[in-house]
Amino acid sequence: MRSFHFNNLDLNLLRVFDALIEERSVTRAGERLGLTQSAISHALSRLRYVLDDELFVRGAEGMQPTRRAAEIAPRLRQGLLQLQLALTPADFVPEQTARRFTITCGEYVGAVLIPTLVARLREAAPLAEVRIRPSNMGVAEALLAGRADLAIGSFRRVPEWFACEPLFEETRVWVVSDRHPAAWQELTLERLAALPHLIISATGEDEQAIAGYVVDHGLERLVMRSEVGLLQGALAARGLTRAVGLTTPHFLAALAVVSHSDMAAPLPRRLAVAFAVAYRLKLFEPPYTSPPFEIMALSHREHGSEPAILWLRDLVRQVAAEL
């Protein structure tokens, strides 16, 4: 095995490694760092030589890290983050920052909260960049490794190394097209059972969920978007069953389909209200017990003390309070 001398290592190569770990693409890593594909490939070749490992191999889903690269990645990210914190000025000036803010969230938060948040952030910090990571890429790992500044969603049993702040409560409504005859009748359990249902289900994660939650490094995250258990229990108590017409992982697809069909779908209230006019939807209260769920903001306790992240959390708090 080739001997390794840290003093001879170009630290810029580590930035390339970190970008490849996250992007899984030479092209996207180059775009992120402002380098050509050739420069990224050259840097990777140098890293392979220095570390005496292939590091990344091409696969069906892009550049996949080797076992050695996977071992290096979290420790390297922590080191880069500590270096960034050490060099960051104590005073954070939003108008002057060119910082990238990374937020992990799902489609619901992306549609309901993110548009206003980005508009406010663009006003206050016009040179900053915002990156949204889908929550199915791993919320806890992204926060722990410093790949995300903030995660917004519905969580429970939050490990002690995360700071958790409630933002707002959400409830669910059922929606149908306002051109459907059912839109002008009371929505009873019997009438709901008679309608074909559109179910919103996140492919893959739902199968791993227990009581609607998946476990990620001790963090429990809500992934079940439809109240299947509560609905089926209420129907069974009346001797009723339901028919599912469509299952989709996408909220916006659900809105469009309901608008042009005879199906009914359960949706988060704020999302349904926001798009009711555009998609010509009629909203109904669920004809069964439907408890609210809470939307929260998570940050790493150590990384979250950075002035820029404290500022971002305050901005999120302000926007959430107005929803």
C-alpha atoms as a PDB file:
ATOM      1  CA  MET A   1       0.000   0.000   0.000  1.00  0.00           C
ATOM      2  CA  ARG A   2       1.332   3.428  -0.952  1.00  0.00           C
ATOM      3  CA  SER A   3       2.430   5.605   2.004  1.00  0.00           C
ATOM      4  CA  PHE A   4       0.304   8.697   2.597  1.00  0.00           C
ATOM      5  CA  HIS A   5       1.744  12.117   3.455  1.00  0.00           C
ATOM      6  CA  PHE A   6      -0.925  14.637   4.448  1.00  0.00           C
ATOM      7  CA  ASN A   7       1.408  17.632   4.059  1.00  0.00           C
ATOM      8  CA  ASN A   8       1.698  16.877   0.352  1.00  0.00           C
ATOM      9  CA  LEU A   9      -2.074  16.781  -0.201  1.00  0.00           C
ATOM     10  CA  ASP A  10      -3.744  19.584  -2.148  1.00  0.00           C
ATOM     11  CA  LEU A  11      -6.791  20.492  -0.032  1.00  0.00           C
ATOM     12  CA  ASN A  12      -8.704  21.440  -3.195  1.00  0.00           C
ATOM     13  CA  LEU A  13      -8.786  17.747  -4.038  1.00  0.00           C
ATOM     14  CA  LEU A  14     -10.843  17.169  -0.895  1.00  0.00           C
ATOM     15  CA  ARG A  15     -13.459  19.644  -2.113  1.00  0.00           C
ATOM     16  CA  VAL A  16     -13.695  17.638  -5.339  1.00  0.00           C
ATOM     17  CA  PHE A  17     -14.097  14.416  -3.357  1.00  0.00           C
ATOM     18  CA  ASP A  18     -16.853  15.981  -1.228  1.00  0.00           C
ATOM     19  CA  ALA A  19     -18.701  17.255  -4.300  1.00  0.00           C
ATOM     20  CA  LEU A  20     -18.508  13.839  -5.986  1.00  0.00           C
ATOM     21  CA  ILE A  21     -19.853  12.141  -2.854  1.00  0.00           C
ATOM     22  CA  GLU A  22     -22.894  14.381  -2.895  1.00  0.00           C
ATOM     23  CA  GLU A  23     -23.501  14.781  -6.629  1.00  0.00           C
ATOM     24  CA  ARG A  24     -22.483  11.281  -7.837  1.00  0.00           C
ATOM     25  CA  SER A  25     -21.644  12.937 -11.173  1.00  0.00           C
ATOM     26  CA  VAL A  26     -18.462  14.454 -12.637  1.00  0.00           C
ATOM     27  CA  THR A  27     -20.571  16.959 -14.585  1.00  0.00           C
ATOM     28  CA  ARG A  28     -22.647  18.118 -11.606  1.00  0.00           C
ATOM     29  CA  ALA A  29     -19.599  18.218  -9.323  1.00  0.00           C
ATOM     30  CA  GLY A  30     -17.871  20.436 -11.868  1.00  0.00           C
ATOM     31  CA  GLU A  31     -20.882  22.750 -12.097  1.00  0.00           C
ATOM     32  CA  ARG A  32     -21.021  23.003  -8.323  1.00  0.00           C
ATOM     33  CA  LEU A  33     -17.327  23.880  -7.985  1.00  0.00           C
ATOM     34  CA  GLY A  34     -17.055  25.967 -11.161  1.00  0.00           C
ATOM     35  CA  LEU A  35     -14.625  23.489 -12.753  1.00  0.00           C
ATOM     36  CA  THR A  36     -14.592  21.661 -16.079  1.00  0.00           C
ATOM     37  CA  GLN A  37     -15.260  17.932 -16.342  1.00  0.00           C
ATOM     38  CA  SER A  38     -11.622  17.519 -17.326  1.00  0.00           C
ATOM     39  CA  ALA A  39     -10.461  19.291 -14.159  1.00  0.00           C
ATOM     40  CA  ILE A  40     -12.703  17.105 -11.984  1.00  0.00           C
ATOM     41  CA  SER A  41     -11.463  13.940 -13.690  1.00  0.00           C
ATOM     42  CA  HIS A  42      -7.845  15.058 -13.261  1.00  0.00           C
ATOM     43  CA  ALA A  43      -8.412  15.812  -9.566  1.00  0.00           C
ATOM     44  CA  LEU A  44     -10.047  12.406  -9.089  1.00  0.00           C
ATOM     45  CA  SER A  45      -7.059  10.713 -10.730  1.00  0.00           C
ATOM     46  CA  ARG A  46      -4.710  12.498  -8.328  1.00  0.00           C
ATOM     47  CA  LEU A  47      -6.855  11.492  -5.344  1.00  0.00           C
ATOM     48  CA  ARG A  48      -6.895   7.878  -6.511  1.00  0.00           C
ATOM     49  CA  TYR A  49      -3.120   7.897  -6.649  1.00  0.00           C
ATOM     50  CA  VAL A  50      -2.656   9.621  -3.269  1.00  0.00           C
ATOM     51  CA  LEU A  51      -5.193   7.438  -1.433  1.00  0.00           C
ATOM     52  CA  ASP A  52      -4.352   4.263  -3.377  1.00  0.00           C
ATOM     53  CA  ASP A  53      -8.015   3.466  -4.037  1.00  0.00           C
ATOM     54  CA  GLU A  54     -10.424   3.674  -6.981  1.00  0.00           C
ATOM     55  CA  LEU A  55     -12.742   5.819  -4.757  1.00  0.00           C
ATOM     56  CA  PHE A  56     -15.588   6.009  -7.316  1.00  0.00           C
ATOM     57  CA  VAL A  57     -16.826   3.564  -9.944  1.00  0.00           C
ATOM     58  CA  ARG A  58     -19.432   4.222 -12.608  1.00  0.00           C
ATOM     59  CA  GLY A  59     -22.786   2.556 -12.038  1.00  0.00           C
ATOM     60  CA  ALA A  60     -26.369   2.731 -13.225  1.00  0.00           C
ATOM     61  CA  GLU A  61     -27.034   5.560 -10.755  1.00  0.00           C
ATOM     62  CA  GLY A  62     -23.868   7.554 -11.401  1.00  0.00           C
ATOM     63  CA  MET A  63     -20.496   7.558  -9.669  1.00  0.00           C
ATOM     64  CA  GLN A  64     -20.733   5.128  -6.754  1.00  0.00           C
ATOM     65  CA  PRO A  65     -18.258   5.386  -3.848  1.00  0.00           C
ATOM     66  CA  THR A  66     -16.066   2.435  -2.967  1.00  0.00           C
ATOM     67  CA  ARG A  67     -15.975   1.105   0.593  1.00  0.00           C
ATOM     68  CA  ARG A  68     -12.905   3.240   1.288  1.00  0.00           C
ATOM     69  CA  ALA A  69     -14.598   6.390  -0.070  1.00  0.00           C
ATOM     70  CA  ALA A  70     -17.713   5.702   2.003  1.00  0.00           C
ATOM     71  CA  GLU A  71     -15.537   5.434   5.115  1.00  0.00           C
ATOM     72  CA  ILE A  72     -13.721   8.680   4.354  1.00  0.00           C
ATOM     73  CA  ALA A  73     -16.774  10.756   3.370  1.00  0.00           C
ATOM     74  CA  PRO A  74     -18.441  11.540   6.734  1.00  0.00           C
ATOM     75  CA  ARG A  75     -15.175  12.301   8.529  1.00  0.00           C
ATOM     76  CA  LEU A  76     -13.954  14.460   5.662  1.00  0.00           C
ATOM     77  CA  ARG A  77     -17.242  16.373   5.560  1.00  0.00           C
ATOM     78  CA  GLN A  78     -16.993  17.064   9.290  1.00  0.00           C
ATOM     79  CA  GLY A  79     -13.459  18.347   8.809  1.00  0.00           C
ATOM     80  CA  LEU A  80     -14.438  20.625   5.926  1.00  0.00           C
ATOM     81  CA  LEU A  81     -17.370  21.928   7.939  1.00  0.00           C
ATOM     82  CA  GLN A  82     -15.149  22.717  10.923  1.00  0.00           C
ATOM     83  CA  LEU A  83     -12.725  24.488   8.597  1.00  0.00           C
ATOM     84  CA  GLN A  84     -15.575  26.516   7.124  1.00  0.00           C
ATOM     85  CA  LEU A  85     -16.810  27.471  10.610  1.00  0.00           C
ATOM     86  CA  ALA A  86     -13.284  28.468  11.664  1.00  0.00           C
ATOM     87  CA  LEU A  87     -12.944  30.805   8.686  1.00  0.00           C
ATOM     88  CA  THR A  88     -16.476  32.231   8.804  1.00  0.00           C
ATOM     89  CA  PRO A  89     -16.675  35.786  10.166  1.00  0.00           C
ATOM     90  CA  ALA A  90     -18.382  36.020  13.561  1.00  0.00           C
ATOM     91  CA  ASP A  91     -20.774  38.611  12.181  1.00  0.00           C
ATOM     92  CA  PHE A  92     -23.189  37.396   9.524  1.00  0.00           C
ATOM     93  CA  VAL A  93     -24.332  40.035   7.024  1.00  0.00           C
ATOM     94  CA  PRO A  94     -27.177  38.680   4.835  1.00  0.00           C
ATOM     95  CA  GLU A  95     -26.793  41.396   2.191  1.00  0.00           C
ATOM     96  CA  GLN A  96     -23.164  40.394   1.609  1.00  0.00           C
ATOM     97  CA  THR A  97     -23.212  36.630   1.937  1.00  0.00           C
ATOM     98  CA  ALA A  98     -22.727  34.358  -1.066  1.00  0.00           C
ATOM     99  CA  ARG A  99     -23.333  31.297   1.087  1.00  0.00           C
ATOM    100  CA  ARG A 100     -25.253  28.257  -0.112  1.00  0.00           C
ATOM    101  CA  PHE A 101     -28.151  27.309   2.180  1.00  0.00           C
ATOM    102  CA  THR A 102     -29.226  23.679   1.893  1.00  0.00           C
ATOM    103  CA  ILE A 103     -32.664  22.603   3.112  1.00  0.00           C
ATOM    104  CA  THR A 104     -33.973  19.038   3.199  1.00  0.00           C
ATOM    105  CA  CYS A 105     -37.736  18.693   2.786  1.00  0.00           C
ATOM    106  CA  GLY A 106     -40.491  16.799   1.008  1.00  0.00           C
ATOM    107  CA  GLU A 107     -42.840  17.869  -1.757  1.00  0.00           C
ATOM    108  CA  TYR A 108     -45.492  19.232   0.607  1.00  0.00           C
ATOM    109  CA  VAL A 109     -43.122  21.651   2.377  1.00  0.00           C
ATOM    110  CA  GLY A 110     -41.564  22.437  -0.993  1.00  0.00           C
ATOM    111  CA  ALA A 111     -44.949  23.609  -2.311  1.00  0.00           C
ATOM    112  CA  VAL A 112     -46.352  25.297   0.805  1.00  0.00           C
ATOM    113  CA  LEU A 113     -43.428  26.948   2.617  1.00  0.00           C
ATOM    114  CA  ILE A 114     -40.411  27.076   0.311  1.00  0.00           C
ATOM    115  CA  PRO A 115     -41.732  29.578  -2.312  1.00  0.00           C
ATOM    116  CA  THR A 116     -42.313  32.332   0.262  1.00  0.00           C
ATOM    117  CA  LEU A 117     -39.120  31.442   2.108  1.00  0.00           C
ATOM    118  CA  VAL A 118     -37.025  31.744  -1.056  1.00  0.00           C
ATOM    119  CA  ALA A 119     -38.692  35.059  -1.957  1.00  0.00           C
ATOM    120  CA  ARG A 120     -37.841  36.466   1.486  1.00  0.00           C
ATOM    121  CA  LEU A 121     -34.330  35.092   1.349  1.00  0.00           C
ATOM    122  CA  ARG A 122     -33.757  36.617  -2.091  1.00  0.00           C
ATOM    123  CA  GLU A 123     -34.804  40.004  -0.734  1.00  0.00           C
ATOM    124  CA  ALA A 124     -32.564  39.823   2.318  1.00  0.00           C
ATOM    125  CA  ALA A 125     -29.598  37.914   0.842  1.00  0.00           C
ATOM    126  CA  PRO A 126     -29.597  38.409  -2.960  1.00  0.00           C
ATOM    127  CA  LEU A 127     -26.137  36.863  -3.432  1.00  0.00           C
ATOM    128  CA  ALA A 128     -26.976  33.650  -1.556  1.00  0.00           C
ATOM    129  CA  GLU A 129     -27.939  30.337  -3.137  1.00  0.00           C
ATOM    130  CA  VAL A 130     -30.610  27.914  -1.939  1.00  0.00           C
ATOM    131  CA  ARG A 131     -30.461  24.190  -2.580  1.00  0.00           C
ATOM    132  CA  ILE A 132     -33.353  21.845  -1.791  1.00  0.00           C
ATOM    133  CA  ARG A 133     -32.541  18.200  -1.044  1.00  0.00           C
ATOM    134  CA  PRO A 134     -35.391  15.666  -1.140  1.00  0.00           C
ATOM    135  CA  SER A 135     -35.980  14.142   2.266  1.00  0.00           C
ATOM    136  CA  ASN A 136     -35.789  10.581   0.904  1.00  0.00           C
ATOM    137  CA  MET A 137     -32.025  11.089   0.408  1.00  0.00           C
ATOM    138  CA  GLY A 138     -31.526  10.789   4.181  1.00  0.00           C
ATOM    139  CA  VAL A 139     -32.336  13.602   6.589  1.00  0.00           C
ATOM    140  CA  ALA A 140     -30.291  12.635   9.641  1.00  0.00           C
ATOM    141  CA  GLU A 141     -27.126  11.790   7.707  1.00  0.00           C
ATOM    142  CA  ALA A 142     -27.320  15.061   5.762  1.00  0.00           C
ATOM    143  CA  LEU A 143     -27.609  17.103   8.972  1.00  0.00           C
ATOM    144  CA  LEU A 144     -24.939  15.136  10.822  1.00  0.00           C
ATOM    145  CA  ALA A 145     -22.482  15.440   7.936  1.00  0.00           C
ATOM    146  CA  GLY A 146     -23.207  19.123   7.383  1.00  0.00           C
ATOM    147  CA  ARG A 147     -24.656  18.501   3.916  1.00  0.00           C
ATOM    148  CA  ALA A 148     -27.868  20.209   4.969  1.00  0.00           C
ATOM    149  CA  ASP A 149     -28.333  23.254   7.168  1.00  0.00           C
ATOM    150  CA  LEU A 150     -31.955  22.589   7.991  1.00  0.00           C
ATOM    151  CA  ALA A 151     -34.542  19.835   7.606  1.00  0.00           C
ATOM    152  CA  ILE A 152     -38.246  20.659   7.541  1.00  0.00           C
ATOM    153  CA  GLY A 153     -40.892  17.990   7.925  1.00  0.00           C
ATOM    154  CA  SER A 154     -42.819  15.920  10.440  1.00  0.00           C
ATOM    155  CA  PHE A 155     -40.594  14.098  12.950  1.00  0.00           C
ATOM    156  CA  ARG A 156     -40.790  12.314  16.281  1.00  0.00           C
ATOM    157  CA  ARG A 157     -38.284  10.749  18.704  1.00  0.00           C
ATOM    158  CA  VAL A 158     -35.653  13.292  17.735  1.00  0.00           C
ATOM    159  CA  PRO A 159     -32.112  12.309  18.881  1.00  0.00           C
ATOM    160  CA  GLU A 160     -30.393  14.697  21.283  1.00  0.00           C
ATOM    161  CA  TRP A 161     -27.831  15.870  18.759  1.00  0.00           C
ATOM    162  CA  PHE A 162     -30.570  17.653  16.790  1.00  0.00           C
ATOM    163  CA  ALA A 163     -32.303  20.902  17.748  1.00  0.00           C
ATOM    164  CA  CYS A 164     -36.016  20.632  16.963  1.00  0.00           C
ATOM    165  CA  GLU A 165     -38.392  23.573  16.642  1.00  0.00           C
ATOM    166  CA  PRO A 166     -42.159  23.261  15.978  1.00  0.00           C
ATOM    167  CA  LEU A 167     -43.293  25.473  13.092  1.00  0.00           C
ATOM    168  CA  PHE A 168     -47.017  24.816  12.623  1.00  0.00           C
ATOM    169  CA  GLU A 169     -49.724  22.175  12.803  1.00  0.00           C
ATOM    170  CA  GLU A 170     -51.350  20.743   9.686  1.00  0.00           C
ATOM    171  CA  THR A 171     -54.589  18.841   9.165  1.00  0.00           C
ATOM    172  CA  ARG A 172     -55.978  16.878   6.237  1.00  0.00           C
ATOM    173  CA  VAL A 173     -58.979  17.433   3.992  1.00  0.00           C
ATOM    174  CA  TRP A 174     -60.563  15.383   1.235  1.00  0.00           C
ATOM    175  CA  VAL A 175     -60.814  16.971  -2.203  1.00  0.00           C
ATOM    176  CA  VAL A 176     -62.928  16.273  -5.273  1.00  0.00           C
ATOM    177  CA  SER A 177     -63.400  18.146  -8.513  1.00  0.00           C
ATOM    178  CA  ASP A 178     -65.984  20.925  -8.182  1.00  0.00           C
ATOM    179  CA  ARG A 179     -67.521  19.557 -11.403  1.00  0.00           C
ATOM    180  CA  HIS A 180     -68.298  16.206  -9.770  1.00  0.00           C
ATOM    181  CA  PRO A 181     -71.843  15.707  -8.383  1.00  0.00           C
ATOM    182  CA  ALA A 182     -70.324  14.673  -5.031  1.00  0.00           C
ATOM    183  CA  ALA A 183     -68.910  18.193  -4.639  1.00  0.00           C
ATOM    184  CA  TRP A 184     -72.388  19.484  -3.808  1.00  0.00           C
ATOM    185  CA  GLN A 185     -73.354  16.893  -1.221  1.00  0.00           C
ATOM    186  CA  GLU A 186     -72.298  16.316   2.364  1.00  0.00           C
ATOM    187  CA  LEU A 187     -69.295  13.983   2.468  1.00  0.00           C
ATOM    188  CA  THR A 188     -70.381  11.067   4.636  1.00  0.00           C
ATOM    189  CA  LEU A 189     -68.425   7.854   5.122  1.00  0.00           C
ATOM    190  CA  GLU A 190     -70.898   6.073   2.836  1.00  0.00           C
ATOM    191  CA  ARG A 191     -70.404   8.625   0.056  1.00  0.00           C
ATOM    192  CA  LEU A 192     -66.638   8.625   0.543  1.00  0.00           C
ATOM    193  CA  ALA A 193     -66.584   4.822   0.256  1.00  0.00           C
ATOM    194  CA  ALA A 194     -68.574   5.063  -2.978  1.00  0.00           C
ATOM    195  CA  LEU A 195     -65.933   7.282  -4.619  1.00  0.00           C
ATOM    196  CA  PRO A 196     -62.730   5.863  -6.149  1.00  0.00           C
ATOM    197  CA  HIS A 197     -59.784   7.023  -4.046  1.00  0.00           C
ATOM    198  CA  LEU A 198     -56.493   8.541  -5.076  1.00  0.00           C
ATOM    199  CA  ILE A 199     -53.771   7.560  -2.604  1.00  0.00           C
ATOM    200  CA  ILE A 200     -50.515   9.481  -2.201  1.00  0.00           C
ATOM    201  CA  SER A 201     -47.773   7.034  -1.324  1.00  0.00           C
ATOM    202  CA  ALA A 202     -44.008   7.518  -1.466  1.00  0.00           C
ATOM    203  CA  THR A 203     -42.571   4.596  -3.413  1.00  0.00           C
ATOM    204  CA  GLY A 204     -40.082   2.524  -1.426  1.00  0.00           C
ATOM    205  CA  GLU A 205     -40.212   4.390   1.879  1.00  0.00           C
ATOM    206  CA  ASP A 206     -43.797   3.476   2.665  1.00  0.00           C
ATOM    207  CA  GLU A 207     -42.905  -0.209   2.608  1.00  0.00           C
ATOM    208  CA  GLN A 208     -40.292   0.438   5.328  1.00  0.00           C
ATOM    209  CA  ALA A 209     -42.598   2.585   7.459  1.00  0.00           C
ATOM    210  CA  ILE A 210     -43.942   1.556  10.853  1.00  0.00           C
ATOM    211  CA  ALA A 211     -47.117   3.442  11.813  1.00  0.00           C
ATOM    212  CA  GLY A 212     -46.290   5.882   9.019  1.00  0.00           C
ATOM    213  CA  TYR A 213     -42.702   6.624  10.120  1.00  0.00           C
ATOM    214  CA  VAL A 214     -39.272   5.505   8.920  1.00  0.00           C
ATOM    215  CA  VAL A 215     -36.238   5.443  11.214  1.00  0.00           C
ATOM    216  CA  ASP A 216     -33.119   7.295  10.057  1.00  0.00           C
ATOM    217  CA  HIS A 217     -30.137   7.274  12.492  1.00  0.00           C
ATOM    218  CA  GLY A 218     -32.591   7.278  15.400  1.00  0.00           C
ATOM    219  CA  LEU A 219     -34.730  10.029  13.870  1.00  0.00           C
ATOM    220  CA  GLU A 220     -38.308   9.038  13.058  1.00  0.00           C
ATOM    221  CA  ARG A 221     -39.709  10.808   9.984  1.00  0.00           C
ATOM    222  CA  LEU A 222     -43.308  10.758   8.767  1.00  0.00           C
ATOM    223  CA  VAL A 223     -43.584   9.383   5.228  1.00  0.00           C
ATOM    224  CA  MET A 224     -47.175   8.138   5.009  1.00  0.00           C
ATOM    225  CA  ARG A 225     -49.072  10.922   3.327  1.00  0.00           C
ATOM    226  CA  SER A 226     -52.529   9.357   3.479  1.00  0.00           C
ATOM    227  CA  GLU A 227     -54.454   8.268   6.600  1.00  0.00           C
ATOM    228  CA  VAL A 228     -54.952   4.740   5.342  1.00  0.00           C
ATOM    229  CA  GLY A 229     -55.218   3.081   8.757  1.00  0.00           C
ATOM    230  CA  LEU A 230     -57.659   5.595  10.251  1.00  0.00           C
ATOM    231  CA  LEU A 231     -59.839   5.602   7.153  1.00  0.00           C
ATOM    232  CA  GLN A 232     -59.977   1.835   6.839  1.00  0.00           C
ATOM    233  CA  GLY A 233     -60.795   1.475  10.518  1.00  0.00           C
ATOM    234  CA  ALA A 234     -63.685   3.915  10.207  1.00  0.00           C
ATOM    235  CA  LEU A 235     -64.989   2.172   7.074  1.00  0.00           C
ATOM    236  CA  ALA A 236     -64.700  -1.290   8.622  1.00  0.00           C
ATOM    237  CA  ALA A 237     -66.710  -0.156  11.647  1.00  0.00           C
ATOM    238  CA  ARG A 238     -69.575   0.600   9.244  1.00  0.00           C
ATOM    239  CA  GLY A 239     -69.106  -2.533   7.160  1.00  0.00           C
ATOM    240  CA  LEU A 240     -67.787  -0.471   4.242  1.00  0.00           C
ATOM    241  CA  THR A 241     -64.834  -0.925   1.883  1.00  0.00           C
ATOM    242  CA  ARG A 242     -63.109   1.406  -0.554  1.00  0.00           C
ATOM    243  CA  ALA A 243     -61.785   1.205  -4.099  1.00  0.00           C
ATOM    244  CA  VAL A 244     -58.411   2.732  -5.007  1.00  0.00           C
ATOM    245  CA  GLY A 245     -58.328   4.259  -8.477  1.00  0.00           C
ATOM    246  CA  LEU A 246     -54.748   5.563  -8.456  1.00  0.00           C
ATOM    247  CA  THR A 247     -51.641   5.557  -6.275  1.00  0.00           C
ATOM    248  CA  THR A 248     -49.006   8.241  -6.886  1.00  0.00           C
ATOM    249  CA  PRO A 249     -46.059   9.646  -4.895  1.00  0.00           C
ATOM    250  CA  HIS A 250     -46.694  13.188  -6.165  1.00  0.00           C
ATOM    251  CA  PHE A 251     -48.954  15.785  -4.566  1.00  0.00           C
ATOM    252  CA  LEU A 252     -49.182  18.013  -7.644  1.00  0.00           C
ATOM    253  CA  ALA A 253     -50.021  15.057  -9.871  1.00  0.00           C
ATOM    254  CA  ALA A 254     -52.773  14.172  -7.397  1.00  0.00           C
ATOM    255  CA  LEU A 255     -54.233  17.678  -7.659  1.00  0.00           C
ATOM    256  CA  ALA A 256     -54.299  17.539 -11.449  1.00  0.00           C
ATOM    257  CA  VAL A 257     -55.784  14.042 -11.581  1.00  0.00           C
ATOM    258  CA  VAL A 258     -58.558  14.817  -9.099  1.00  0.00           C
ATOM    259  CA  SER A 259     -59.385  17.963 -11.051  1.00  0.00           C
ATOM    260  CA  HIS A 260     -60.046  15.904 -14.194  1.00  0.00           C
ATOM    261  CA  SER A 261     -61.561  12.726 -12.759  1.00  0.00           C
ATOM    262  CA  ASP A 262     -64.213  11.262 -10.474  1.00  0.00           C
ATOM    263  CA  MET A 263     -61.659  10.440  -7.749  1.00  0.00           C
ATOM    264  CA  ALA A 264     -61.347  11.814  -4.223  1.00  0.00           C
ATOM    265  CA  ALA A 265     -58.013  12.330  -2.446  1.00  0.00           C
ATOM    266  CA  PRO A 266     -56.871  13.200   1.098  1.00  0.00           C
ATOM    267  CA  LEU A 267     -54.445  16.149   1.114  1.00  0.00           C
ATOM    268  CA  PRO A 268     -52.786  18.447   3.653  1.00  0.00           C
ATOM    269  CA  ARG A 269     -55.133  21.392   4.166  1.00  0.00           C
ATOM    270  CA  ARG A 270     -52.719  24.215   3.281  1.00  0.00           C
ATOM    271  CA  LEU A 271     -51.738  22.506   0.048  1.00  0.00           C
ATOM    272  CA  ALA A 272     -55.360  21.923  -0.934  1.00  0.00           C
ATOM    273  CA  VAL A 273     -56.340  25.513  -0.102  1.00  0.00           C
ATOM    274  CA  ALA A 274     -53.385  26.929  -2.051  1.00  0.00           C
ATOM    275  CA  PHE A 275     -54.355  25.081  -5.245  1.00  0.00           C
ATOM    276  CA  ALA A 276     -58.154  24.805  -4.878  1.00  0.00           C
ATOM    277  CA  VAL A 277     -58.970  27.606  -7.306  1.00  0.00           C
ATOM    278  CA  ALA A 278     -56.363  26.686  -9.924  1.00  0.00           C
ATOM    279  CA  TYR A 279     -57.442  23.029  -9.973  1.00  0.00           C
ATOM    280  CA  ARG A 280     -61.150  23.656  -9.319  1.00  0.00           C
ATOM    281  CA  LEU A 281     -61.335  21.559  -6.163  1.00  0.00           C
ATOM    282  CA  LYS A 282     -63.991  21.277  -3.473  1.00  0.00           C
ATOM    283  CA  LEU A 283     -62.661  20.639   0.034  1.00  0.00           C
ATOM    284  CA  PHE A 284     -64.308  18.509   2.723  1.00  0.00           C
ATOM    285  CA  GLU A 285     -63.570  17.738   6.341  1.00  0.00           C
ATOM    286  CA  PRO A 286     -62.812  14.011   6.838  1.00  0.00           C
ATOM    287  CA  PRO A 287     -65.949  12.162   8.023  1.00  0.00           C
ATOM    288  CA  TYR A 288     -63.875  10.316  10.655  1.00  0.00           C
ATOM    289  CA  THR A 289     -61.381  11.216  13.382  1.00  0.00           C
ATOM    290  CA  SER A 290     -58.360  12.837  11.745  1.00  0.00           C
ATOM    291  CA  PRO A 291     -55.674  14.131  14.153  1.00  0.00           C
ATOM    292  CA  PRO A 292     -53.328  16.936  13.106  1.00  0.00           C
ATOM    293  CA  PHE A 293     -49.617  16.451  12.464  1.00  0.00           C
ATOM    294  CA  GLU A 294     -46.841  18.891  13.259  1.00  0.00           C
ATOM    295  CA  ILE A 295     -44.314  20.396  10.861  1.00  0.00           C
ATOM    296  CA  MET A 296     -40.918  21.057  12.458  1.00  0.00           C
ATOM    297  CA  ALA A 297     -37.485  22.439  11.651  1.00  0.00           C
ATOM    298  CA  LEU A 298     -34.417  20.373  12.556  1.00  0.00           C
ATOM    299  CA  SER A 299     -30.797  21.457  12.688  1.00  0.00           C
ATOM    300  CA  HIS A 300     -27.615  19.972  14.094  1.00  0.00           C
ATOM    301  CA  ARG A 301     -27.020  21.362  17.608  1.00  0.00           C
ATOM    302  CA  GLU A 302     -23.371  22.113  16.895  1.00  0.00           C
ATOM    303  CA  HIS A 303     -23.554  23.238  13.270  1.00  0.00           C
ATOM    304  CA  GLY A 304     -26.834  25.067  13.892  1.00  0.00           C
ATOM    305  CA  SER A 305     -25.133  27.596  16.147  1.00  0.00           C
ATOM    306  CA  GLU A 306     -23.461  29.180  13.115  1.00  0.00           C
ATOM    307  CA  PRO A 307     -24.811  32.752  12.681  1.00  0.00           C
ATOM    308  CA  ALA A 308     -25.931  32.053   9.097  1.00  0.00           C
ATOM    309  CA  ILE A 309     -28.011  29.039  10.144  1.00  0.00           C
ATOM    310  CA  LEU A 310     -29.492  30.914  13.098  1.00  0.00           C
ATOM    311  CA  TRP A 311     -30.530  33.614  10.633  1.00  0.00           C
ATOM    312  CA  LEU A 312     -32.056  31.031   8.278  1.00  0.00           C
ATOM    313  CA  ARG A 313     -33.993  29.412  11.125  1.00  0.00           C
ATOM    314  CA  ASP A 314     -35.404  32.781  12.136  1.00  0.00           C
ATOM    315  CA  LEU A 315     -36.492  33.433   8.544  1.00  0.00           C
ATOM    316  CA  VAL A 316     -38.186  30.010   8.367  1.00  0.00           C
ATOM    317  CA  ARG A 317     -39.911  30.743  11.676  1.00  0.00           C
ATOM    318  CA  GLN A 318     -41.275  34.044  10.347  1.00  0.00           C
ATOM    319  CA  VAL A 319     -42.606  32.490   7.141  1.00  0.00           C
ATOM    320  CA  ALA A 320     -44.177  29.544   8.979  1.00  0.00           C
ATOM    321  CA  ALA A 321     -45.974  31.888  11.377  1.00  0.00           C
ATOM    322  CA  GLU A 322     -47.760  33.497   8.420  1.00  0.00           C
ATOM    323  CA  LEU A 323     -49.027  30.266   6.869  1.00  0.00           C
END
